[in-house]
């Protein structure tokens, strides 16, 4: 009987072990980037094989500036997506650039040279001490004459002089090396700012009944990126038309380089709500003021603190009149989607006075006061909310209508470009792969060049 129970226990343990969630570490390359005025949407693709059972796919080496609510995962294959989650990994730092790695190697080499010079100086100092402690000439049974004294004096003088001059030369070399070391340290600071950034990660949990080959398209919004337009007007001669070059100044510091990506430059604002505002009646009269329409707020983020400035983790944040809610994280931060027509956010936590704050801006800071009178009896209300979204929506105004595709006439001054005119925005698709480094520099992209007929007049 005991043997039977032991066999059954081992079988159950093996079954549980087999059902444990496996984890795969996934590295990907950036395939496509849609750059907006204040952020960018990055798209990555990966084809892989998963084993039967539950598997957590951990996409690593991503930007630390990912907007968590914008993460979307499209999975093609016979698997079930259980969750999509975003996190920051503070243990695995982002890979350093090749230039920074080279500078660090040179920096350590200079440090080794300084250590060698300091070792030589230490030996010189020891030899000087040895000479100074053995300056006595002659002995008890040895007669001292002028020749011996002269010879000893010359040896002592020449050797001590050589040692001290050698010490000066090596000290000067150390000063030169330390100056180079300081300049190299400043250069490294300009590249890395002496700050280590965590790497972003996206966790996708899938369940498969058999071994399957799947393809995943991962997309998300990142901050610290954008573009702005500029124009060049050129005239070769009075016989030639005026040439107008439409340029894009692209910049990004997402801590991840965009290498040979499909680049799209858009005038869209993905954070702007696509719902039309409700028009109010405007009655004409003397001195009447026309109604003002503010851009609707689709998302509110902020921080909840107590009256001493400490963050409150786990505070409830709910859109009044709806079941949409969230809670603050360990640092008191929150972010919540705002539906159309919502005007008030409610904040509550055990032992604090509940607050209702009008939605007037995208970022708010809430200070909660302690409720001393109601600590005897507390009613806790829970609001259901999902911990994850497999494909959270990102507002893309103008996408509903069919875009008008127009092939632009380009010259040697502009890259091959396709212009898409949507209902509320314009997109420029660069037809050739493009590289944008994560260095905050402006990369100028010549998108379109127009030849405009012009007449020239001279004034004097």
Foldseek 3Di string as FASTA:
>chain_A
DVVVVVVVVVVVVVVVVVQDEAEDEDEWAFAEWEFEAFWIKTKTKDKDKDFAHKYKYKYWLAFPQFDFLQKAKDKDKQKAWDFKGKDWAPVDFHDDDPVLVVLVVVLVVLVVVLVVLVVLLVVLVVVLVVLVVPVDDDDDPGDDDPVSVVVSVVVSVVVNVVSVVSNVVSVVVSVVSVVVSVVSVVVSCLRVVPDIGTMMMMIIMIHHRGIMIMMMMIMTMGGQWHKDKDWDWDDPDQVFFIKIWIKIWIFGQSVDWRFQYFYKYKNWDLQFAQDDDDDDDDDDDPPGDGDDDDGDGFKAKEFEAEPVRAGDWFKWKDQPPDLFIDTAHPRRIDMGTDDPPTFWIWIDDQQWDIDIDTPDDRYDYHYTYGDPVCNVDDDDDDRDDDPRDNRRDTHTHQPVDDWDKDQADADPQAARWIWTDGPPMIMITGPTTDIHGNNRGIDMHRGHMDGHGDHDDDDD
